[in-house]
Amino acid sequence: MVPAEPVVLAPATALEKILRALSVVTMVMTVPQVLAVWTGPSASGVSLVSWAAYLVSACLWFVYGLQKRDKTIYFACIGWIALDAAIVAGVVVRG
C-alpha cells in the first residue's frame, strides 16, 4: 500500500480572508436581533418563515462545507445555525 501524501493547505487568499472577516462581522450584527427577540416586549415583528429559511440554509451549507472539507464554510455555519436557531426559538416561544 502506498502511503497517502500529506495534505498541503494553500495560504488563504485575499477573498477568503475578507469572507471570514465578513462572516464574523455579520454574525456580530445579528446578535442584537437575538437579544431583541429574547429580551424585548415580544417577538411579534420578527418573521418566523424568514429566520427558519435562514436556519435551513445554514444547515445545508454546513453539510456542504463538511462534504467539501471547507473550514471557511462549515465553521461559519456553526455560528449561523446557533444564531438562526436562537431567533427561531425566540419567535416560537415569545412570538
PDB file of N, CA and C in Angstrom:
ATOM      1  N   MET A   1       0.846  -1.170   0.000  1.00  0.00           N
ATOM      2  CA  MET A   1       0.000   0.000   0.000  1.00  0.00           C
ATOM      3  C   MET A   1       0.898   1.242   0.000  1.00  0.00           C
ATOM      4  N   VAL A   2       0.535   2.180  -0.841  1.00  0.00           N
ATOM      5  CA  VAL A   2       1.301   3.423  -0.950  1.00  0.00           C
ATOM      6  C   VAL A   2       0.770   4.407   0.081  1.00  0.00           C
ATOM      7  N   PRO A   3       1.657   4.981   0.883  1.00  0.00           N
ATOM      8  CA  PRO A   3       1.176   5.949   1.883  1.00  0.00           C
ATOM      9  C   PRO A   3       0.598   7.186   1.198  1.00  0.00           C
ATOM     10  N   ALA A   4      -0.439   7.727   1.825  1.00  0.00           N
ATOM     11  CA  ALA A   4      -1.072   8.936   1.286  1.00  0.00           C
ATOM     12  C   ALA A   4      -0.125  10.113   1.436  1.00  0.00           C
ATOM     13  N   GLU A   5      -0.167  10.973   0.443  1.00  0.00           N
ATOM     14  CA  GLU A   5       0.654  12.178   0.521  1.00  0.00           C
ATOM     15  C   GLU A   5       0.037  13.144   1.518  1.00  0.00           C
ATOM     16  N   PRO A   6       0.860  13.868   2.253  1.00  0.00           N
ATOM     17  CA  PRO A   6       0.299  14.826   3.219  1.00  0.00           C
ATOM     18  C   PRO A   6      -0.457  15.936   2.478  1.00  0.00           C
ATOM     19  N   VAL A   7      -1.513  16.388   3.112  1.00  0.00           N
ATOM     20  CA  VAL A   7      -2.308  17.474   2.538  1.00  0.00           C
ATOM     21  C   VAL A   7      -1.599  18.785   2.819  1.00  0.00           C
ATOM     22  N   VAL A   8      -1.332  19.519   1.768  1.00  0.00           N
ATOM     23  CA  VAL A   8      -0.686  20.823   1.911  1.00  0.00           C
ATOM     24  C   VAL A   8      -1.752  21.879   1.670  1.00  0.00           C
ATOM     25  N   LEU A   9      -2.013  22.668   2.682  1.00  0.00           N
ATOM     26  CA  LEU A   9      -3.024  23.712   2.560  1.00  0.00           C
ATOM     27  C   LEU A   9      -2.414  24.965   1.969  1.00  0.00           C
ATOM     28  N   ALA A  10      -3.086  25.485   0.982  1.00  0.00           N
ATOM     29  CA  ALA A  10      -2.634  26.742   0.387  1.00  0.00           C
ATOM     30  C   ALA A  10      -2.972  27.877   1.344  1.00  0.00           C
ATOM     31  N   PRO A  11      -2.164  28.907   1.358  1.00  0.00           N
ATOM     32  CA  PRO A  11      -2.484  30.043   2.223  1.00  0.00           C
ATOM     33  C   PRO A  11      -3.813  30.663   1.791  1.00  0.00           C
ATOM     34  N   ALA A  12      -4.516  31.245   2.746  1.00  0.00           N
ATOM     35  CA  ALA A  12      -5.802  31.871   2.455  1.00  0.00           C
ATOM     36  C   ALA A  12      -5.614  33.011   1.457  1.00  0.00           C
ATOM     37  N   THR A  13      -6.515  33.049   0.485  1.00  0.00           N
ATOM     38  CA  THR A  13      -6.473  34.134  -0.494  1.00  0.00           C
ATOM     39  C   THR A  13      -7.058  35.392   0.141  1.00  0.00           C
ATOM     40  N   ALA A  14      -6.891  36.510  -0.528  1.00  0.00           N
ATOM     41  CA  ALA A  14      -7.448  37.765  -0.021  1.00  0.00           C
ATOM     42  C   ALA A  14      -8.965  37.654   0.098  1.00  0.00           C
ATOM     43  N   LEU A  15      -9.606  37.026  -0.896  1.00  0.00           N
ATOM     44  CA  LEU A  15     -11.055  36.872  -0.848  1.00  0.00           C
ATOM     45  C   LEU A  15     -11.469  36.012   0.340  1.00  0.00           C
ATOM     46  N   GLU A  16     -10.745  34.928   0.603  1.00  0.00           N
ATOM     47  CA  GLU A  16     -11.074  34.072   1.749  1.00  0.00           C
ATOM     48  C   GLU A  16     -10.932  34.835   3.061  1.00  0.00           C
ATOM     49  N   LYS A  17      -9.916  35.647   3.176  1.00  0.00           N
ATOM     50  CA  LYS A  17      -9.735  36.448   4.390  1.00  0.00           C
ATOM     51  C   LYS A  17     -10.880  37.437   4.565  1.00  0.00           C
ATOM     52  N   ILE A  18     -11.300  38.058   3.471  1.00  0.00           N
ATOM     53  CA  ILE A  18     -12.416  39.004   3.531  1.00  0.00           C
ATOM     54  C   ILE A  18     -13.702  38.279   3.905  1.00  0.00           C
ATOM     55  N   LEU A  19     -13.941  37.116   3.291  1.00  0.00           N
ATOM     56  CA  LEU A  19     -15.150  36.356   3.597  1.00  0.00           C
ATOM     57  C   LEU A  19     -15.183  35.916   5.052  1.00  0.00           C
ATOM     58  N   ARG A  20     -14.071  35.504   5.586  1.00  0.00           N
ATOM     59  CA  ARG A  20     -14.006  35.108   7.002  1.00  0.00           C
ATOM     60  C   ARG A  20     -14.320  36.286   7.902  1.00  0.00           C
ATOM     61  N   ALA A  21     -13.741  37.429   7.594  1.00  0.00           N
ATOM     62  CA  ALA A  21     -13.990  38.624   8.399  1.00  0.00           C
ATOM     63  C   ALA A  21     -15.454  39.048   8.305  1.00  0.00           C
ATOM     64  N   LEU A  22     -16.007  39.046   7.101  1.00  0.00           N
ATOM     65  CA  LEU A  22     -17.405  39.437   6.931  1.00  0.00           C
ATOM     66  C   LEU A  22     -18.348  38.465   7.627  1.00  0.00           C
ATOM     67  N   SER A  23     -17.991  37.211   7.642  1.00  0.00           N
ATOM     68  CA  SER A  23     -18.822  36.235   8.329  1.00  0.00           C
ATOM     69  C   SER A  23     -18.909  36.570   9.813  1.00  0.00           C
ATOM     70  N   VAL A  24     -17.797  36.902  10.413  1.00  0.00           N
ATOM     71  CA  VAL A  24     -17.786  37.268  11.828  1.00  0.00           C
ATOM     72  C   VAL A  24     -18.545  38.586  12.041  1.00  0.00           C
ATOM     73  N   VAL A  25     -18.293  39.561  11.196  1.00  0.00           N
ATOM     74  CA  VAL A  25     -18.945  40.863  11.335  1.00  0.00           C
ATOM     75  C   VAL A  25     -20.458  40.724  11.214  1.00  0.00           C
ATOM     76  N   THR A  26     -20.926  39.969  10.231  1.00  0.00           N
ATOM     77  CA  THR A  26     -22.376  39.836  10.061  1.00  0.00           C
ATOM     78  C   THR A  26     -23.014  39.037  11.198  1.00  0.00           C
ATOM     79  N   MET A  27     -22.278  38.092  11.751  1.00  0.00           N
ATOM     80  CA  MET A  27     -22.808  37.384  12.921  1.00  0.00           C
ATOM     81  C   MET A  27     -22.930  38.326  14.106  1.00  0.00           C
ATOM     82  N   VAL A  28     -21.924  39.146  14.318  1.00  0.00           N
ATOM     83  CA  VAL A  28     -21.972  40.119  15.414  1.00  0.00           C
ATOM     84  C   VAL A  28     -23.145  41.085  15.203  1.00  0.00           C
ATOM     85  N   MET A  29     -23.408  41.445  13.951  1.00  0.00           N
ATOM     86  CA  MET A  29     -24.521  42.338  13.652  1.00  0.00           C
ATOM     87  C   MET A  29     -25.871  41.665  13.900  1.00  0.00           C
ATOM     88  N   THR A  30     -25.915  40.345  13.946  1.00  0.00           N
ATOM     89  CA  THR A  30     -27.149  39.611  14.180  1.00  0.00           C
ATOM     90  C   THR A  30     -27.442  39.450  15.672  1.00  0.00           C
ATOM     91  N   VAL A  31     -26.448  39.565  16.506  1.00  0.00           N
ATOM     92  CA  VAL A  31     -26.634  39.403  17.953  1.00  0.00           C
ATOM     93  C   VAL A  31     -27.706  40.353  18.506  1.00  0.00           C
ATOM     94  N   PRO A  32     -27.755  41.639  18.102  1.00  0.00           N
ATOM     95  CA  PRO A  32     -28.828  42.497  18.614  1.00  0.00           C
ATOM     96  C   PRO A  32     -30.234  41.974  18.273  1.00  0.00           C
ATOM     97  N   GLN A  33     -30.389  41.320  17.122  1.00  0.00           N
ATOM     98  CA  GLN A  33     -31.694  40.743  16.770  1.00  0.00           C
ATOM     99  C   GLN A  33     -32.046  39.613  17.732  1.00  0.00           C
ATOM    100  N   VAL A  34     -31.059  38.782  18.056  1.00  0.00           N
ATOM    101  CA  VAL A  34     -31.285  37.698  19.016  1.00  0.00           C
ATOM    102  C   VAL A  34     -31.683  38.290  20.365  1.00  0.00           C
ATOM    103  N   LEU A  35     -30.957  39.305  20.800  1.00  0.00           N
ATOM    104  CA  LEU A  35     -31.270  39.936  22.092  1.00  0.00           C
ATOM    105  C   LEU A  35     -32.650  40.576  22.087  1.00  0.00           C
ATOM    106  N   ALA A  36     -33.005  41.222  20.983  1.00  0.00           N
ATOM    107  CA  ALA A  36     -34.321  41.855  20.890  1.00  0.00           C
ATOM    108  C   ALA A  36     -35.439  40.828  20.962  1.00  0.00           C
ATOM    109  N   VAL A  37     -35.239  39.687  20.320  1.00  0.00           N
ATOM    110  CA  VAL A  37     -36.257  38.636  20.341  1.00  0.00           C
ATOM    111  C   VAL A  37     -36.443  38.097  21.756  1.00  0.00           C
ATOM    112  N   TRP A  38     -35.329  37.919  22.466  1.00  0.00           N
ATOM    113  CA  TRP A  38     -35.406  37.293  23.790  1.00  0.00           C
ATOM    114  C   TRP A  38     -35.645  38.268  24.931  1.00  0.00           C
ATOM    115  N   THR A  39     -35.279  39.535  24.778  1.00  0.00           N
ATOM    116  CA  THR A  39     -35.423  40.466  25.899  1.00  0.00           C
ATOM    117  C   THR A  39     -36.450  41.563  25.654  1.00  0.00           C
ATOM    118  N   GLY A  40     -36.891  41.719  24.423  1.00  0.00           N
ATOM    119  CA  GLY A  40     -37.876  42.750  24.107  1.00  0.00           C
ATOM    120  C   GLY A  40     -39.251  42.378  24.619  1.00  0.00           C
ATOM    121  N   PRO A  41     -40.196  43.296  24.460  1.00  0.00           N
ATOM    122  CA  PRO A  41     -41.553  43.025  24.934  1.00  0.00           C
ATOM    123  C   PRO A  41     -42.212  41.842  24.225  1.00  0.00           C
ATOM    124  N   SER A  42     -41.901  41.641  22.947  1.00  0.00           N
ATOM    125  CA  SER A  42     -42.399  40.477  22.213  1.00  0.00           C
ATOM    126  C   SER A  42     -41.564  40.320  20.946  1.00  0.00           C
ATOM    127  N   ALA A  43     -41.765  39.205  20.288  1.00  0.00           N
ATOM    128  CA  ALA A  43     -41.059  38.943  19.029  1.00  0.00           C
ATOM    129  C   ALA A  43     -42.040  38.997  17.864  1.00  0.00           C
ATOM    130  N   SER A  44     -43.123  39.734  18.043  1.00  0.00           N
ATOM    131  CA  SER A  44     -44.211  39.727  17.066  1.00  0.00           C
ATOM    132  C   SER A  44     -43.825  40.292  15.706  1.00  0.00           C
ATOM    133  N   GLY A  45     -42.829  41.159  15.629  1.00  0.00           N
ATOM    134  CA  GLY A  45     -42.452  41.734  14.345  1.00  0.00           C
ATOM    135  C   GLY A  45     -41.394  40.953  13.592  1.00  0.00           C
ATOM    136  N   VAL A  46     -40.997  39.819  14.122  1.00  0.00           N
ATOM    137  CA  VAL A  46     -39.926  39.027  13.519  1.00  0.00           C
ATOM    138  C   VAL A  46     -40.546  37.886  12.713  1.00  0.00           C
ATOM    139  N   SER A  47     -40.088  37.705  11.487  1.00  0.00           N
ATOM    140  CA  SER A  47     -40.651  36.696  10.595  1.00  0.00           C
ATOM    141  C   SER A  47     -40.089  35.307  10.895  1.00  0.00           C
ATOM    142  N   LEU A  48     -40.965  34.436  11.379  1.00  0.00           N
ATOM    143  CA  LEU A  48     -40.571  33.052  11.638  1.00  0.00           C
ATOM    144  C   LEU A  48     -40.181  32.351  10.342  1.00  0.00           C
ATOM    145  N   VAL A  49     -40.922  32.596   9.271  1.00  0.00           N
ATOM    146  CA  VAL A  49     -40.641  31.942   7.989  1.00  0.00           C
ATOM    147  C   VAL A  49     -39.251  32.335   7.479  1.00  0.00           C
ATOM    148  N   SER A  50     -38.927  33.621   7.546  1.00  0.00           N
ATOM    149  CA  SER A  50     -37.609  34.072   7.070  1.00  0.00           C
ATOM    150  C   SER A  50     -36.482  33.452   7.873  1.00  0.00           C
ATOM    151  N   TRP A  51     -36.575  33.520   9.181  1.00  0.00           N
ATOM    152  CA  TRP A  51     -35.486  33.010  10.021  1.00  0.00           C
ATOM    153  C   TRP A  51     -35.401  31.488   9.965  1.00  0.00           C
ATOM    154  N   ALA A  52     -36.538  30.804   9.818  1.00  0.00           N
ATOM    155  CA  ALA A  52     -36.497  29.347   9.648  1.00  0.00           C
ATOM    156  C   ALA A  52     -35.813  28.995   8.321  1.00  0.00           C
ATOM    157  N   ALA A  53     -36.074  29.786   7.286  1.00  0.00           N
ATOM    158  CA  ALA A  53     -35.405  29.553   5.997  1.00  0.00           C
ATOM    159  C   ALA A  53     -33.901  29.788   6.122  1.00  0.00           C
ATOM    160  N   TYR A  54     -33.508  30.827   6.858  1.00  0.00           N
ATOM    161  CA  TYR A  54     -32.077  31.071   7.087  1.00  0.00           C
ATOM    162  C   TYR A  54     -31.450  29.898   7.828  1.00  0.00           C
ATOM    163  N   LEU A  55     -32.176  29.356   8.810  1.00  0.00           N
ATOM    164  CA  LEU A  55     -31.675  28.220   9.587  1.00  0.00           C
ATOM    165  C   LEU A  55     -31.497  26.984   8.702  1.00  0.00           C
ATOM    166  N   VAL A  56     -32.489  26.679   7.892  1.00  0.00           N
ATOM    167  CA  VAL A  56     -32.384  25.531   6.974  1.00  0.00           C
ATOM    168  C   VAL A  56     -31.208  25.740   6.020  1.00  0.00           C
ATOM    169  N   SER A  57     -31.082  26.948   5.495  1.00  0.00           N
ATOM    170  CA  SER A  57     -29.980  27.259   4.591  1.00  0.00           C
ATOM    171  C   SER A  57     -28.627  27.055   5.268  1.00  0.00           C
ATOM    172  N   ALA A  58     -28.488  27.556   6.491  1.00  0.00           N
ATOM    173  CA  ALA A  58     -27.222  27.406   7.221  1.00  0.00           C
ATOM    174  C   ALA A  58     -26.907  25.932   7.460  1.00  0.00           C
ATOM    175  N   CYS A  59     -27.937  25.138   7.756  1.00  0.00           N
ATOM    176  CA  CYS A  59     -27.718  23.706   7.972  1.00  0.00           C
ATOM    177  C   CYS A  59     -27.237  23.025   6.689  1.00  0.00           C
ATOM    178  N   LEU A  60     -27.862  23.383   5.576  1.00  0.00           N
ATOM    179  CA  LEU A  60     -27.443  22.793   4.303  1.00  0.00           C
ATOM    180  C   LEU A  60     -26.035  23.234   3.912  1.00  0.00           C
ATOM    181  N   TRP A  61     -25.715  24.508   4.139  1.00  0.00           N
ATOM    182  CA  TRP A  61     -24.356  24.981   3.860  1.00  0.00           C
ATOM    183  C   TRP A  61     -23.340  24.281   4.758  1.00  0.00           C
ATOM    184  N   PHE A  62     -23.728  24.003   6.007  1.00  0.00           N
ATOM    185  CA  PHE A  62     -22.849  23.285   6.933  1.00  0.00           C
ATOM    186  C   PHE A  62     -22.530  21.894   6.378  1.00  0.00           C
ATOM    187  N   VAL A  63     -23.553  21.190   5.934  1.00  0.00           N
ATOM    188  CA  VAL A  63     -23.343  19.849   5.357  1.00  0.00           C
ATOM    189  C   VAL A  63     -22.452  19.948   4.115  1.00  0.00           C
ATOM    190  N   TYR A  64     -22.733  20.926   3.273  1.00  0.00           N
ATOM    191  CA  TYR A  64     -21.923  21.121   2.069  1.00  0.00           C
ATOM    192  C   TYR A  64     -20.464  21.401   2.441  1.00  0.00           C
ATOM    193  N   GLY A  65     -20.252  22.268   3.422  1.00  0.00           N
ATOM    194  CA  GLY A  65     -18.893  22.583   3.865  1.00  0.00           C
ATOM    195  C   GLY A  65     -18.169  21.357   4.386  1.00  0.00           C
ATOM    196  N   LEU A  66     -18.887  20.511   5.124  1.00  0.00           N
ATOM    197  CA  LEU A  66     -18.281  19.267   5.611  1.00  0.00           C
ATOM    198  C   LEU A  66     -17.916  18.352   4.447  1.00  0.00           C
ATOM    199  N   GLN A  67     -18.832  18.234   3.483  1.00  0.00           N
ATOM    200  CA  GLN A  67     -18.569  17.377   2.328  1.00  0.00           C
ATOM    201  C   GLN A  67     -17.343  17.855   1.554  1.00  0.00           C
ATOM    202  N   LYS A  68     -17.200  19.160   1.419  1.00  0.00           N
ATOM    203  CA  LYS A  68     -16.078  19.735   0.686  1.00  0.00           C
ATOM    204  C   LYS A  68     -14.833  19.891   1.554  1.00  0.00           C
ATOM    205  N   ARG A  69     -14.995  19.612   2.849  1.00  0.00           N
ATOM    206  CA  ARG A  69     -13.906  19.786   3.827  1.00  0.00           C
ATOM    207  C   ARG A  69     -13.386  21.227   3.801  1.00  0.00           C
ATOM    208  N   ASP A  70     -14.336  22.157   3.740  1.00  0.00           N
ATOM    209  CA  ASP A  70     -14.003  23.583   3.664  1.00  0.00           C
ATOM    210  C   ASP A  70     -14.335  24.248   4.999  1.00  0.00           C
ATOM    211  N   LYS A  71     -13.303  24.483   5.787  1.00  0.00           N
ATOM    212  CA  LYS A  71     -13.497  25.068   7.109  1.00  0.00           C
ATOM    213  C   LYS A  71     -14.097  26.462   7.041  1.00  0.00           C
ATOM    214  N   THR A  72     -13.793  27.203   5.996  1.00  0.00           N
ATOM    215  CA  THR A  72     -14.346  28.544   5.854  1.00  0.00           C
ATOM    216  C   THR A  72     -15.867  28.479   5.817  1.00  0.00           C
ATOM    217  N   ILE A  73     -16.405  27.457   5.195  1.00  0.00           N
ATOM    218  CA  ILE A  73     -17.853  27.313   5.107  1.00  0.00           C
ATOM    219  C   ILE A  73     -18.417  26.732   6.397  1.00  0.00           C
ATOM    220  N   TYR A  74     -17.935  25.575   6.822  1.00  0.00           N
ATOM    221  CA  TYR A  74     -18.631  24.908   7.912  1.00  0.00           C
ATOM    222  C   TYR A  74     -18.412  25.538   9.280  1.00  0.00           C
ATOM    223  N   PHE A  75     -17.288  26.169   9.533  1.00  0.00           N
ATOM    224  CA  PHE A  75     -17.128  26.859  10.816  1.00  0.00           C
ATOM    225  C   PHE A  75     -18.066  28.055  10.916  1.00  0.00           C
ATOM    226  N   ALA A  76     -18.190  28.794   9.841  1.00  0.00           N
ATOM    227  CA  ALA A  76     -19.111  29.940   9.837  1.00  0.00           C
ATOM    228  C   ALA A  76     -20.545  29.465  10.049  1.00  0.00           C
ATOM    229  N   CYS A  77     -20.885  28.335   9.463  1.00  0.00           N
ATOM    230  CA  CYS A  77     -22.251  27.832   9.578  1.00  0.00           C
ATOM    231  C   CYS A  77     -22.610  27.436  11.003  1.00  0.00           C
ATOM    232  N   ILE A  78     -21.642  27.026  11.775  1.00  0.00           N
ATOM    233  CA  ILE A  78     -21.913  26.696  13.182  1.00  0.00           C
ATOM    234  C   ILE A  78     -22.459  27.932  13.892  1.00  0.00           C
ATOM    235  N   GLY A  79     -21.818  29.067  13.680  1.00  0.00           N
ATOM    236  CA  GLY A  79     -22.295  30.314  14.288  1.00  0.00           C
ATOM    237  C   GLY A  79     -23.660  30.707  13.767  1.00  0.00           C
ATOM    238  N   TRP A  80     -23.856  30.575  12.443  1.00  0.00           N
ATOM    239  CA  TRP A  80     -25.145  30.945  11.856  1.00  0.00           C
ATOM    240  C   TRP A  80     -26.258  30.029  12.326  1.00  0.00           C
ATOM    241  N   ILE A  81     -25.983  28.754  12.472  1.00  0.00           N
ATOM    242  CA  ILE A  81     -27.002  27.828  12.968  1.00  0.00           C
ATOM    243  C   ILE A  81     -27.404  28.219  14.386  1.00  0.00           C
ATOM    244  N   ALA A  82     -26.436  28.531  15.224  1.00  0.00           N
ATOM    245  CA  ALA A  82     -26.740  28.932  16.601  1.00  0.00           C
ATOM    246  C   ALA A  82     -27.572  30.212  16.632  1.00  0.00           C
ATOM    247  N   LEU A  83     -27.168  31.223  15.858  1.00  0.00           N
ATOM    248  CA  LEU A  83     -27.897  32.491  15.858  1.00  0.00           C
ATOM    249  C   LEU A  83     -29.305  32.331  15.276  1.00  0.00           C
ATOM    250  N   ASP A  84     -29.402  31.662  14.136  1.00  0.00           N
ATOM    251  CA  ASP A  84     -30.710  31.478  13.500  1.00  0.00           C
ATOM    252  C   ASP A  84     -31.640  30.657  14.400  1.00  0.00           C
ATOM    253  N   ALA A  85     -31.103  29.611  15.013  1.00  0.00           N
ATOM    254  CA  ALA A  85     -31.918  28.777  15.902  1.00  0.00           C
ATOM    255  C   ALA A  85     -32.387  29.578  17.117  1.00  0.00           C
ATOM    256  N   ALA A  86     -31.533  30.454  17.632  1.00  0.00           N
ATOM    257  CA  ALA A  86     -31.928  31.287  18.777  1.00  0.00           C
ATOM    258  C   ALA A  86     -33.083  32.214  18.404  1.00  0.00           C
ATOM    259  N   ILE A  87     -33.042  32.758  17.206  1.00  0.00           N
ATOM    260  CA  ILE A  87     -34.123  33.642  16.770  1.00  0.00           C
ATOM    261  C   ILE A  87     -35.402  32.842  16.523  1.00  0.00           C
ATOM    262  N   VAL A  88     -35.292  31.712  15.835  1.00  0.00           N
ATOM    263  CA  VAL A  88     -36.468  30.883  15.584  1.00  0.00           C
ATOM    264  C   VAL A  88     -37.096  30.455  16.910  1.00  0.00           C
ATOM    265  N   ALA A  89     -36.280  29.991  17.830  1.00  0.00           N
ATOM    266  CA  ALA A  89     -36.802  29.563  19.133  1.00  0.00           C
ATOM    267  C   ALA A  89     -37.455  30.740  19.858  1.00  0.00           C
ATOM    268  N   GLY A  90     -36.827  31.898  19.787  1.00  0.00           N
ATOM    269  CA  GLY A  90     -37.393  33.077  20.446  1.00  0.00           C
ATOM    270  C   GLY A  90     -38.741  33.473  19.866  1.00  0.00           C
ATOM    271  N   VAL A  91     -38.856  33.402  18.550  1.00  0.00           N
ATOM    272  CA  VAL A  91     -40.133  33.738  17.905  1.00  0.00           C
ATOM    273  C   VAL A  91     -41.204  32.730  18.287  1.00  0.00           C
ATOM    274  N   VAL A  92     -40.838  31.454  18.333  1.00  0.00           N
ATOM    275  CA  VAL A  92     -41.806  30.408  18.697  1.00  0.00           C
ATOM    276  C   VAL A  92     -42.234  30.562  20.167  1.00  0.00           C
ATOM    277  N   VAL A  93     -41.266  30.782  21.036  1.00  0.00           N
ATOM    278  CA  VAL A  93     -41.549  30.848  22.471  1.00  0.00           C
ATOM    279  C   VAL A  93     -42.200  32.179  22.861  1.00  0.00           C
ATOM    280  N   ARG A  94     -41.700  33.274  22.294  1.00  0.00           N
ATOM    281  CA  ARG A  94     -42.142  34.607  22.754  1.00  0.00           C
ATOM    282  C   ARG A  94     -43.053  35.323  21.770  1.00  0.00           C
ATOM    283  N   GLY A  95     -43.213  34.737  20.546  1.00  0.00           N
ATOM    284  CA  GLY A  95     -43.983  35.315  19.456  1.00  0.00           C
ATOM    285  C   GLY A  95     -45.058  36.220  19.854  1.00  0.00           C
TER     286      GLY A  95
END
